Amino acid sequence: MAPDVCTPCGWISAFVSCICFGSFAVPVKSKRATECNIDPLAFQTYKTFMCLITSFLTLPLFHQTFQFTPWGIVSGLFWVPAGVSAIYAVQNAGLAVSQGLWSSIIVLVSFGWGIGIFHESVRSNWIASAAVLIMVAGLWGMSYYSSPSDGRHDIDQDEGADSLDRDSNEPSSRLGYDRVATETTRGEDDLFENDTIDNGIWRRRRLGIIAAVFNGIWGGSVMVPMQYAPVEAVGTGYVISFAIGATIVTISLWLARFLFNLYQSDMNVTYALTSLPSLHLKTMWLPGAIAGTLWSIGNIASMISVRNLGEGVGYSLTQSSMLVSGLWGIFYFNEVQSMQMKIMWFLSAGITLVGILGLTYEHV
């Protein structure tokens, strides 16, 4: 950590990062994105592109000189695969649940790096660890209580009531055998169809949760390489290195996907190219640009936060973005309809804030 730190700058940057990290995934759930069902790698490409474009704004805005360190490529190796997983998680498990899950894991990973590996200073390791665990518990609670309401139970009850009303007005025939036999057959078909739909939904949801866990574990180390960069290439000086590294990794993933398609098609180049996912430029340029810009601003702010507060405290605090994404998921996307679940979410948010305040106090 460089000696010329600015602690208030770190707190302000952590707050800005929370707002941007908590909002960048909103365009993923937009009508445009859901209708075209954009591939996670394609959406990640928008994020990487905007990250690269906006990174050069740090030169005039922060009076930086061009700096590049290969450690930016290492950060890209952490961020891009984790970013692809994040998009997949949001698409399949929901915004609030996914971000709550990966945020809690990232807090543990980054705090472990900061205190356990880099030996960053806090008033008490035990109290700081307790604050982190409280924060994680709150984040987990917000994730759990922001699970999208299924609604199937209510629908089934309504359909059952309607069928009872309908049946009471129908005349009986052959002691009800014909009607019972017909409805039994129809019920079996409906049951099979509903089971198939439910299995598909839960399979996608489980895969989305697995992707969120991977994002938390792998993406929790995205800022670690900056700790090994030269002093002049940390903080805002690291932004361009990070963006270039992310671009190299993103291009490499496209190349790997092309080579995989080429192998699958017995070296058919045309098939391999046409099988690559579409960027849906006409539809996705605006949501992709918004998501990429928000993430890039949040990323720059997180680098400033880590630069001034350290990996353990600075990057952990940025994961409070779950507070923001949870509000988006509950009130904008209406992912949670139960009032009881909403109340429990706000109680969990309060627990998270207690952990944040505790971690804030422990920083020296």
Foldseek 3Di string as FASTA:
>chain_A
DDPPFDQVLLVVLLVLLLQLVLCLCVLCPDPLNLVVVFQLLLLLVLLLVLLQVCLVVCCVVVVADADADLLLLVLLVLPSLLSSLLSLLCNQFNQLLLLLLLLLLLLVLLLCCFCVPVVAAWQDPVLLVVLSVLLNQLSNLLNVLLGFDPCVVVVVVVVVVVVVVVVVPDDDDPNNPVVVVVVVVVVVVVVVVVVVVVVVSVVSNVSSNVSSNSSNNRVSCSCVSLVVDPPSCAQSNVSNNNSVSNVVVSVVVQVVQLVVQCVVVVNPNVRSVVPRTDSPCVRCVVSSNSSSNSNSSSVSSLRSSCVRQNSNLSNSSSSLSSVSNSCCSCPVVVSDDDPVSVVSSVVSNVSSVSSNVSNVNGGD
